[in-house]
Amino acid sequence: MDWPLDELCATIGSKIPGFSAEVLPSIDSTNSELMRRSKNGFLEPLLLIAEEQTAGKGRLGRVWYANPGDCLTFSIGLNLSIQDWSGFSLAVGLGILQALDPHQHYGVGLKWPNDLWLGLGDPHTARKLGGILIESAVSTAPSVAGPYSRYCVIGVGINLVAPRGVDLKRAAAGLCDVDPKSRPASVLLSAVPGIIEGVMRFQEGGFSSFKQEYSAYDILFNQQVTMSNGVVGRACGVNSRGELLIQTSAGVVPVISDEVSLLELGGFDTDLK
């Protein structure tokens, strides 16, 4: 496959010195590979693309299903100094969404805390389009020395064609459903600069500057949800730290992504890939 690596490196390199890109024919997981490299001292800014992932990862240890050529899978490793990471995955998701569907022709939305969905405006028929997985390790890179320095790995999977031959409780979506001309290289060329722009904005001002934008793409807003800890209520947006707000019989409850996960939206499981 012909990947636009030179173009991406020229575009991103003007904002992040030393940025490079690499394509691997096959790897277990681009996130796992970058985390392994970071443990061996590699902390350079890098875009790592997999033409095939054999053990792709999703949130909470789930499997990311990706047939070769049907899904764009990549990870970006960056040295960042951020004091409060709350809402970071939402900012990354916004960066991707606004790059892929800037005029909302396709109805791409965001499902808290880390998913892209197709079908904004009708959550009961919406389907998962992509996912984001953030991992990090303490960074010793001189460029970001300080108490909040992390080598952050941003993993992204975007379906071009919906997964086939897998047992999902709800069918997933593919970008080709709404844009048949979509190809991995062209989607990458849009998505990566969008992510970098979102990351740089977040590093400067945290999630509060994204809150209003996020509300326009919130798949869960005003939907009845059930949490893994048994809390039932209606989703009513996010706060300035990117925490999901649930209106319950006891009042509004803020939810942090690593405490509970969404199990139901309109009666179907939303945690499966």
C-alpha atoms as a PDB file:
ATOM      1  CA  MET A   1       0.000   0.000   0.000  1.00  0.00           C
ATOM      2  CA  ASP A   2       1.208   3.501  -0.821  1.00  0.00           C
ATOM      3  CA  TRP A   3       1.223   5.456   2.455  1.00  0.00           C
ATOM      4  CA  PRO A   4       1.631   9.280   2.494  1.00  0.00           C
ATOM      5  CA  LEU A   5       4.464   9.207   5.046  1.00  0.00           C
ATOM      6  CA  ASP A   6       6.571  12.006   3.569  1.00  0.00           C
ATOM      7  CA  GLU A   7       3.581  14.339   3.377  1.00  0.00           C
ATOM      8  CA  LEU A   8       2.528  13.568   6.948  1.00  0.00           C
ATOM      9  CA  CYS A   9       6.038  13.975   8.342  1.00  0.00           C
ATOM     10  CA  ALA A  10       6.427  17.327   6.576  1.00  0.00           C
ATOM     11  CA  THR A  11       3.070  18.531   7.914  1.00  0.00           C
ATOM     12  CA  ILE A  12       3.492  17.308  11.488  1.00  0.00           C
ATOM     13  CA  GLY A  13       7.254  17.899  11.643  1.00  0.00           C
ATOM     14  CA  SER A  14       6.712  21.650  11.404  1.00  0.00           C
ATOM     15  CA  LYS A  15       4.820  21.446  14.723  1.00  0.00           C
ATOM     16  CA  ILE A  16       6.643  18.552  16.391  1.00  0.00           C
ATOM     17  CA  PRO A  17      10.381  18.468  15.589  1.00  0.00           C
ATOM     18  CA  GLY A  18      11.752  15.006  14.920  1.00  0.00           C
ATOM     19  CA  PHE A  19       8.381  13.498  14.074  1.00  0.00           C
ATOM     20  CA  SER A  20       8.704  10.380  11.916  1.00  0.00           C
ATOM     21  CA  ALA A  21       6.483   7.597  10.573  1.00  0.00           C
ATOM     22  CA  GLU A  22       6.882   3.869  10.086  1.00  0.00           C
ATOM     23  CA  VAL A  23       4.749   1.135   8.497  1.00  0.00           C
ATOM     24  CA  LEU A  24       4.783  -2.454   9.744  1.00  0.00           C
ATOM     25  CA  PRO A  25       3.321  -5.209   7.534  1.00  0.00           C
ATOM     26  CA  SER A  26       2.093  -7.084  10.605  1.00  0.00           C
ATOM     27  CA  ILE A  27       2.278  -6.581  14.380  1.00  0.00           C
ATOM     28  CA  ASP A  28       0.295  -7.722  17.394  1.00  0.00           C
ATOM     29  CA  SER A  29      -0.668  -4.166  18.348  1.00  0.00           C
ATOM     30  CA  THR A  30       0.802  -0.788  17.431  1.00  0.00           C
ATOM     31  CA  ASN A  31       0.121   0.417  20.976  1.00  0.00           C
ATOM     32  CA  SER A  32       1.918  -2.592  22.449  1.00  0.00           C
ATOM     33  CA  GLU A  33       4.859  -2.085  20.121  1.00  0.00           C
ATOM     34  CA  LEU A  34       5.290   1.589  21.026  1.00  0.00           C
ATOM     35  CA  MET A  35       4.985   0.797  24.728  1.00  0.00           C
ATOM     36  CA  ARG A  36       7.651  -1.910  24.351  1.00  0.00           C
ATOM     37  CA  ARG A  37       9.939   0.532  22.583  1.00  0.00           C
ATOM     38  CA  SER A  38       9.377   3.169  25.268  1.00  0.00           C
ATOM     39  CA  LYS A  39      10.484   0.683  27.934  1.00  0.00           C
ATOM     40  CA  ASN A  40      13.692   0.177  25.920  1.00  0.00           C
ATOM     41  CA  GLY A  41      14.356   3.920  25.871  1.00  0.00           C
ATOM     42  CA  PHE A  42      12.752   4.925  22.564  1.00  0.00           C
ATOM     43  CA  LEU A  43      10.820   8.109  23.293  1.00  0.00           C
ATOM     44  CA  GLU A  44      10.843   9.827  19.916  1.00  0.00           C
ATOM     45  CA  PRO A  45       7.632  11.228  18.375  1.00  0.00           C
ATOM     46  CA  LEU A  46       6.487   8.502  15.989  1.00  0.00           C
ATOM     47  CA  LEU A  47       3.490   7.474  13.927  1.00  0.00           C
ATOM     48  CA  LEU A  48       3.366   3.677  13.706  1.00  0.00           C
ATOM     49  CA  ILE A  49       0.985   2.145  11.155  1.00  0.00           C
ATOM     50  CA  ALA A  50       0.063  -1.530  10.933  1.00  0.00           C
ATOM     51  CA  GLU A  51      -1.175  -3.012   7.697  1.00  0.00           C
ATOM     52  CA  GLU A  52      -2.283  -5.954   9.825  1.00  0.00           C
ATOM     53  CA  GLN A  53      -2.843  -6.167  13.593  1.00  0.00           C
ATOM     54  CA  THR A  54      -2.996  -9.685  14.984  1.00  0.00           C
ATOM     55  CA  ALA A  55      -3.926  -8.750  18.566  1.00  0.00           C
ATOM     56  CA  GLY A  56      -5.440  -5.283  18.454  1.00  0.00           C
ATOM     57  CA  LYS A  57      -6.472  -3.875  21.813  1.00  0.00           C
ATOM     58  CA  GLY A  58      -9.549  -2.005  22.929  1.00  0.00           C
ATOM     59  CA  ARG A  59     -10.481  -0.415  26.211  1.00  0.00           C
ATOM     60  CA  LEU A  60     -10.643  -2.602  29.362  1.00  0.00           C
ATOM     61  CA  GLY A  61      -8.702  -5.392  27.673  1.00  0.00           C
ATOM     62  CA  ARG A  62     -11.174  -6.019  24.866  1.00  0.00           C
ATOM     63  CA  VAL A  63     -10.191  -7.222  21.404  1.00  0.00           C
ATOM     64  CA  TRP A  64     -10.249  -4.844  18.435  1.00  0.00           C
ATOM     65  CA  TYR A  65     -11.422  -6.766  15.362  1.00  0.00           C
ATOM     66  CA  ALA A  66      -9.701  -5.678  12.145  1.00  0.00           C
ATOM     67  CA  ASN A  67      -9.500  -7.543   8.862  1.00  0.00           C
ATOM     68  CA  PRO A  68      -6.443  -6.514   6.782  1.00  0.00           C
ATOM     69  CA  GLY A  69      -7.357  -3.685   4.435  1.00  0.00           C
ATOM     70  CA  ASP A  70     -10.753  -3.149   6.047  1.00  0.00           C
ATOM     71  CA  CYS A  71      -9.542  -1.147   9.035  1.00  0.00           C
ATOM     72  CA  LEU A  72      -6.997   1.619   9.551  1.00  0.00           C
ATOM     73  CA  THR A  73      -4.946   0.924  12.674  1.00  0.00           C
ATOM     74  CA  PHE A  74      -2.168   3.148  13.936  1.00  0.00           C
ATOM     75  CA  SER A  75      -0.619   4.630  17.050  1.00  0.00           C
ATOM     76  CA  ILE A  76       1.126   7.927  17.706  1.00  0.00           C
ATOM     77  CA  GLY A  77       3.785   8.203  20.391  1.00  0.00           C
ATOM     78  CA  LEU A  78       4.370  11.704  21.759  1.00  0.00           C
ATOM     79  CA  ASN A  79       6.219  13.280  24.655  1.00  0.00           C
ATOM     80  CA  LEU A  80       3.718  15.432  26.507  1.00  0.00           C
ATOM     81  CA  SER A  81       3.672  17.466  29.682  1.00  0.00           C
ATOM     82  CA  ILE A  82       0.074  17.668  30.913  1.00  0.00           C
ATOM     83  CA  GLN A  83      -0.937  18.158  34.516  1.00  0.00           C
ATOM     84  CA  ASP A  84      -4.565  17.052  34.201  1.00  0.00           C
ATOM     85  CA  TRP A  85      -5.286  14.328  31.630  1.00  0.00           C
ATOM     86  CA  SER A  86      -9.033  14.320  32.288  1.00  0.00           C
ATOM     87  CA  GLY A  87     -10.934  14.324  29.005  1.00  0.00           C
ATOM     88  CA  PHE A  88      -7.859  13.659  26.868  1.00  0.00           C
ATOM     89  CA  SER A  89      -9.442  10.817  24.876  1.00  0.00           C
ATOM     90  CA  LEU A  90     -12.462  13.049  24.161  1.00  0.00           C
ATOM     91  CA  ALA A  91     -10.190  15.741  22.727  1.00  0.00           C
ATOM     92  CA  VAL A  92      -8.466  13.145  20.536  1.00  0.00           C
ATOM     93  CA  GLY A  93     -11.849  11.875  19.367  1.00  0.00           C
ATOM     94  CA  LEU A  94     -12.948  15.395  18.475  1.00  0.00           C
ATOM     95  CA  GLY A  95      -9.772  15.897  16.470  1.00  0.00           C
ATOM     96  CA  ILE A  96     -10.460  12.764  14.431  1.00  0.00           C
ATOM     97  CA  LEU A  97     -14.161  13.460  13.962  1.00  0.00           C
ATOM     98  CA  GLN A  98     -13.681  17.039  12.806  1.00  0.00           C
ATOM     99  CA  ALA A  99     -11.003  15.900  10.352  1.00  0.00           C
ATOM    100  CA  LEU A 100     -13.084  13.069   8.871  1.00  0.00           C
ATOM    101  CA  ASP A 101     -16.510  14.733   8.909  1.00  0.00           C
ATOM    102  CA  PRO A 102     -15.971  18.492   9.224  1.00  0.00           C
ATOM    103  CA  HIS A 103     -19.386  19.418   7.818  1.00  0.00           C
ATOM    104  CA  GLN A 104     -21.337  16.544   9.384  1.00  0.00           C
ATOM    105  CA  HIS A 105     -22.235  15.041   6.041  1.00  0.00           C
ATOM    106  CA  TYR A 106     -21.848  11.519   7.461  1.00  0.00           C
ATOM    107  CA  GLY A 107     -23.239  11.906  10.975  1.00  0.00           C
ATOM    108  CA  VAL A 108     -20.105  10.835  12.863  1.00  0.00           C
ATOM    109  CA  GLY A 109     -20.542  11.260  16.613  1.00  0.00           C
ATOM    110  CA  LEU A 110     -18.681  10.487  19.830  1.00  0.00           C
ATOM    111  CA  LYS A 111     -19.605   7.989  22.504  1.00  0.00           C
ATOM    112  CA  TRP A 112     -17.996   8.708  25.845  1.00  0.00           C
ATOM    113  CA  PRO A 113     -15.253   8.013  26.694  1.00  0.00           C
ATOM    114  CA  ASN A 114     -13.324   6.838  23.619  1.00  0.00           C
ATOM    115  CA  ASP A 115     -15.416   5.790  20.621  1.00  0.00           C
ATOM    116  CA  LEU A 116     -16.402   7.163  17.228  1.00  0.00           C
ATOM    117  CA  TRP A 117     -19.904   6.215  16.135  1.00  0.00           C
ATOM    118  CA  LEU A 118     -21.802   6.566  12.886  1.00  0.00           C
ATOM    119  CA  GLY A 119     -25.397   7.770  13.205  1.00  0.00           C
ATOM    120  CA  LEU A 120     -25.355  10.980  15.213  1.00  0.00           C
ATOM    121  CA  GLY A 121     -28.940  12.035  15.898  1.00  0.00           C
ATOM    122  CA  ASP A 122     -30.341   8.502  16.164  1.00  0.00           C
ATOM    123  CA  PRO A 123     -28.435   6.660  18.917  1.00  0.00           C
ATOM    124  CA  HIS A 124     -30.700   3.615  18.787  1.00  0.00           C
ATOM    125  CA  THR A 125     -29.539   2.791  15.251  1.00  0.00           C
ATOM    126  CA  ALA A 126     -26.014   4.240  15.591  1.00  0.00           C
ATOM    127  CA  ARG A 127     -23.088   1.860  15.131  1.00  0.00           C
ATOM    128  CA  LYS A 128     -19.495   1.919  16.242  1.00  0.00           C
ATOM    129  CA  LEU A 129     -17.043   3.252  13.648  1.00  0.00           C
ATOM    130  CA  GLY A 130     -13.782   3.468  15.563  1.00  0.00           C
ATOM    131  CA  GLY A 131     -12.077   3.490  18.912  1.00  0.00           C
ATOM    132  CA  ILE A 132      -9.255   5.207  20.769  1.00  0.00           C
ATOM    133  CA  LEU A 133      -6.917   3.679  23.351  1.00  0.00           C
ATOM    134  CA  ILE A 134      -4.579   5.909  25.360  1.00  0.00           C
ATOM    135  CA  GLU A 135      -1.581   4.491  27.202  1.00  0.00           C
ATOM    136  CA  SER A 136       1.430   6.225  28.714  1.00  0.00           C
ATOM    137  CA  ALA A 137       4.686   5.808  30.548  1.00  0.00           C
ATOM    138  CA  VAL A 138       6.902   8.210  32.471  1.00  0.00           C
ATOM    139  CA  SER A 139       9.022  10.117  29.966  1.00  0.00           C
ATOM    140  CA  THR A 140      12.707  10.831  30.444  1.00  0.00           C
ATOM    141  CA  ALA A 141      13.016  12.759  27.192  1.00  0.00           C
ATOM    142  CA  PRO A 142      14.918  16.043  27.779  1.00  0.00           C
ATOM    143  CA  SER A 143      12.373  17.999  25.727  1.00  0.00           C
ATOM    144  CA  VAL A 144       9.615  17.434  28.298  1.00  0.00           C
ATOM    145  CA  ALA A 145      11.491  17.183  31.551  1.00  0.00           C
ATOM    146  CA  GLY A 146       9.242  17.889  34.514  1.00  0.00           C
ATOM    147  CA  PRO A 147       6.878  16.282  37.032  1.00  0.00           C
ATOM    148  CA  TYR A 148       4.081  15.796  34.468  1.00  0.00           C
ATOM    149  CA  SER A 149       6.170  14.407  31.616  1.00  0.00           C
ATOM    150  CA  ARG A 150       4.711  11.324  29.934  1.00  0.00           C
ATOM    151  CA  TYR A 151       5.390   9.373  26.771  1.00  0.00           C
ATOM    152  CA  CYS A 152       1.830   9.077  25.548  1.00  0.00           C
ATOM    153  CA  VAL A 153       0.703   6.450  23.044  1.00  0.00           C
ATOM    154  CA  ILE A 154      -2.528   7.252  21.207  1.00  0.00           C
ATOM    155  CA  GLY A 155      -3.932   4.162  19.525  1.00  0.00           C
ATOM    156  CA  VAL A 156      -6.645   4.494  16.884  1.00  0.00           C
ATOM    157  CA  GLY A 157      -8.719   1.990  14.956  1.00  0.00           C
ATOM    158  CA  ILE A 158     -11.138   3.177  12.271  1.00  0.00           C
ATOM    159  CA  ASN A 159     -13.277   0.750  10.282  1.00  0.00           C
ATOM    160  CA  LEU A 160     -13.283   1.338   6.547  1.00  0.00           C
ATOM    161  CA  VAL A 161     -15.440  -1.750   6.112  1.00  0.00           C
ATOM    162  CA  ALA A 162     -17.485  -3.090   9.008  1.00  0.00           C
ATOM    163  CA  PRO A 163     -15.961  -6.197  10.647  1.00  0.00           C
ATOM    164  CA  ARG A 164     -17.133  -9.478   9.146  1.00  0.00           C
ATOM    165  CA  GLY A 165     -17.178 -12.955  10.612  1.00  0.00           C
ATOM    166  CA  VAL A 166     -17.134 -11.833  14.261  1.00  0.00           C
ATOM    167  CA  ASP A 167     -19.807 -12.296  16.898  1.00  0.00           C
ATOM    168  CA  LEU A 168     -20.988  -8.813  17.851  1.00  0.00           C
ATOM    169  CA  LYS A 169     -24.200  -8.095  19.692  1.00  0.00           C
ATOM    170  CA  ARG A 170     -24.630  -5.005  17.547  1.00  0.00           C
ATOM    171  CA  ALA A 171     -23.246  -4.602  14.031  1.00  0.00           C
ATOM    172  CA  ALA A 172     -20.376  -2.148  13.657  1.00  0.00           C
ATOM    173  CA  ALA A 173     -20.063   0.465  10.903  1.00  0.00           C
ATOM    174  CA  GLY A 174     -17.470   1.249   8.263  1.00  0.00           C
ATOM    175  CA  LEU A 175     -16.582   4.618   6.776  1.00  0.00           C
ATOM    176  CA  CYS A 176     -17.239   3.194   3.307  1.00  0.00           C
ATOM    177  CA  ASP A 177     -20.893   2.924   4.316  1.00  0.00           C
ATOM    178  CA  VAL A 178     -21.126   6.688   3.877  1.00  0.00           C
ATOM    179  CA  ASP A 179     -18.074   7.435   1.731  1.00  0.00           C
ATOM    180  CA  PRO A 180     -17.277   4.575  -0.672  1.00  0.00           C
ATOM    181  CA  LYS A 181     -14.092   6.352  -1.779  1.00  0.00           C
ATOM    182  CA  SER A 182     -12.512   6.034   1.675  1.00  0.00           C
ATOM    183  CA  ARG A 183      -9.126   4.348   1.703  1.00  0.00           C
ATOM    184  CA  PRO A 184      -6.721   3.738   4.603  1.00  0.00           C
ATOM    185  CA  ALA A 185      -4.109   6.181   3.265  1.00  0.00           C
ATOM    186  CA  SER A 186      -6.568   9.026   2.655  1.00  0.00           C
ATOM    187  CA  VAL A 187      -8.219   8.568   6.056  1.00  0.00           C
ATOM    188  CA  LEU A 188      -4.801   8.542   7.729  1.00  0.00           C
ATOM    189  CA  LEU A 189      -3.846  11.750   5.932  1.00  0.00           C
ATOM    190  CA  SER A 190      -6.880  13.483   7.442  1.00  0.00           C
ATOM    191  CA  ALA A 191      -6.971  11.869  10.871  1.00  0.00           C
ATOM    192  CA  VAL A 192      -3.366  12.297  12.021  1.00  0.00           C
ATOM    193  CA  PRO A 193      -3.186  16.111  11.631  1.00  0.00           C
ATOM    194  CA  GLY A 194      -6.588  16.308  13.356  1.00  0.00           C
ATOM    195  CA  ILE A 195      -5.246  14.331  16.303  1.00  0.00           C
ATOM    196  CA  ILE A 196      -2.114  16.457  16.553  1.00  0.00           C
ATOM    197  CA  GLU A 197      -4.158  19.657  16.513  1.00  0.00           C
ATOM    198  CA  GLY A 198      -6.401  18.307  19.270  1.00  0.00           C
ATOM    199  CA  VAL A 199      -3.427  17.175  21.367  1.00  0.00           C
ATOM    200  CA  MET A 200      -1.700  20.539  21.104  1.00  0.00           C
ATOM    201  CA  ARG A 201      -4.886  22.377  22.073  1.00  0.00           C
ATOM    202  CA  PHE A 202      -5.370  20.054  25.026  1.00  0.00           C
ATOM    203  CA  GLN A 203      -1.794  20.507  26.176  1.00  0.00           C
ATOM    204  CA  GLU A 204      -2.358  24.266  26.264  1.00  0.00           C
ATOM    205  CA  GLY A 205      -5.772  24.442  27.907  1.00  0.00           C
ATOM    206  CA  GLY A 206      -7.058  21.037  28.991  1.00  0.00           C
ATOM    207  CA  PHE A 207     -10.526  19.764  28.198  1.00  0.00           C
ATOM    208  CA  SER A 208     -12.471  22.881  29.187  1.00  0.00           C
ATOM    209  CA  SER A 209     -11.800  24.458  25.777  1.00  0.00           C
ATOM    210  CA  PHE A 210     -13.389  21.396  24.065  1.00  0.00           C
ATOM    211  CA  LYS A 211     -16.504  21.060  26.234  1.00  0.00           C
ATOM    212  CA  GLN A 212     -18.877  23.074  24.047  1.00  0.00           C
ATOM    213  CA  GLU A 213     -17.673  21.376  20.854  1.00  0.00           C
ATOM    214  CA  TYR A 214     -18.064  17.937  22.387  1.00  0.00           C
ATOM    215  CA  SER A 215     -21.704  18.558  23.250  1.00  0.00           C
ATOM    216  CA  ALA A 216     -22.548  18.896  19.548  1.00  0.00           C
ATOM    217  CA  TYR A 217     -21.360  15.329  18.836  1.00  0.00           C
ATOM    218  CA  ASP A 218     -22.416  13.549  22.038  1.00  0.00           C
ATOM    219  CA  ILE A 219     -24.179  10.300  21.068  1.00  0.00           C
ATOM    220  CA  LEU A 220     -25.201   9.648  24.673  1.00  0.00           C
ATOM    221  CA  PHE A 221     -26.808  12.998  25.447  1.00  0.00           C
ATOM    222  CA  ASN A 222     -30.300  12.629  26.933  1.00  0.00           C
ATOM    223  CA  GLN A 223     -30.173   8.825  26.646  1.00  0.00           C
ATOM    224  CA  GLN A 224     -31.024   6.338  29.404  1.00  0.00           C
ATOM    225  CA  VAL A 225     -27.880   4.485  30.431  1.00  0.00           C
ATOM    226  CA  THR A 226     -26.901   1.772  32.876  1.00  0.00           C
ATOM    227  CA  MET A 227     -23.443   1.759  34.407  1.00  0.00           C
ATOM    228  CA  SER A 228     -21.371  -1.279  35.363  1.00  0.00           C
ATOM    229  CA  ASN A 229     -21.701  -0.313  39.036  1.00  0.00           C
ATOM    230  CA  GLY A 230     -25.493  -0.545  38.771  1.00  0.00           C
ATOM    231  CA  VAL A 231     -26.240   3.183  38.553  1.00  0.00           C
ATOM    232  CA  VAL A 232     -29.114   3.922  36.190  1.00  0.00           C
ATOM    233  CA  GLY A 233     -29.949   7.357  34.827  1.00  0.00           C
ATOM    234  CA  ARG A 234     -30.010   9.736  31.918  1.00  0.00           C
ATOM    235  CA  ALA A 235     -26.787  11.039  30.364  1.00  0.00           C
ATOM    236  CA  CYS A 236     -26.709  14.820  30.480  1.00  0.00           C
ATOM    237  CA  GLY A 237     -23.401  15.733  28.877  1.00  0.00           C
ATOM    238  CA  VAL A 238     -19.926  16.154  30.307  1.00  0.00           C
ATOM    239  CA  ASN A 239     -18.369  18.662  32.676  1.00  0.00           C
ATOM    240  CA  SER A 240     -15.266  20.788  32.124  1.00  0.00           C
ATOM    241  CA  ARG A 241     -13.032  17.842  33.085  1.00  0.00           C
ATOM    242  CA  GLY A 242     -14.633  15.501  30.535  1.00  0.00           C
ATOM    243  CA  GLU A 243     -16.469  13.453  33.160  1.00  0.00           C
ATOM    244  CA  LEU A 244     -19.786  11.997  32.045  1.00  0.00           C
ATOM    245  CA  LEU A 245     -22.741  13.403  33.968  1.00  0.00           C
ATOM    246  CA  ILE A 246     -25.604  11.037  34.792  1.00  0.00           C
ATOM    247  CA  GLN A 247     -28.914  12.316  36.155  1.00  0.00           C
ATOM    248  CA  THR A 248     -30.078   9.718  38.685  1.00  0.00           C
ATOM    249  CA  SER A 249     -32.856   9.618  41.261  1.00  0.00           C
ATOM    250  CA  ALA A 250     -30.263  10.787  43.799  1.00  0.00           C
ATOM    251  CA  GLY A 251     -29.035  13.709  41.675  1.00  0.00           C
ATOM    252  CA  VAL A 252     -26.348  14.255  39.071  1.00  0.00           C
ATOM    253  CA  VAL A 253     -23.441  11.808  39.319  1.00  0.00           C
ATOM    254  CA  PRO A 254     -20.095  12.522  37.574  1.00  0.00           C
ATOM    255  CA  VAL A 255     -18.493   9.415  36.075  1.00  0.00           C
ATOM    256  CA  ILE A 256     -14.760   8.881  35.576  1.00  0.00           C
ATOM    257  CA  SER A 257     -13.839   6.484  32.777  1.00  0.00           C
ATOM    258  CA  ASP A 258     -11.584   4.229  34.836  1.00  0.00           C
ATOM    259  CA  GLU A 259     -14.201   3.705  37.555  1.00  0.00           C
ATOM    260  CA  VAL A 260     -17.153   2.417  35.546  1.00  0.00           C
ATOM    261  CA  SER A 261     -18.045   1.678  31.955  1.00  0.00           C
ATOM    262  CA  LEU A 262     -21.255   2.066  30.011  1.00  0.00           C
ATOM    263  CA  LEU A 263     -23.155  -1.142  29.520  1.00  0.00           C
ATOM    264  CA  GLU A 264     -26.425  -0.126  27.921  1.00  0.00           C
ATOM    265  CA  LEU A 265     -27.741   2.520  25.599  1.00  0.00           C
ATOM    266  CA  GLY A 266     -31.332   2.032  24.617  1.00  0.00           C
ATOM    267  CA  GLY A 267     -31.085  -1.622  25.597  1.00  0.00           C
ATOM    268  CA  PHE A 268     -27.966  -2.749  23.718  1.00  0.00           C
ATOM    269  CA  ASP A 269     -24.372  -3.375  24.702  1.00  0.00           C
ATOM    270  CA  THR A 270     -22.044  -0.541  23.699  1.00  0.00           C
ATOM    271  CA  ASP A 271     -18.751  -1.868  25.055  1.00  0.00           C
ATOM    272  CA  LEU A 272     -18.207  -4.486  22.375  1.00  0.00           C
ATOM    273  CA  LYS A 273     -16.125  -3.746  19.328  1.00  0.00           C
END
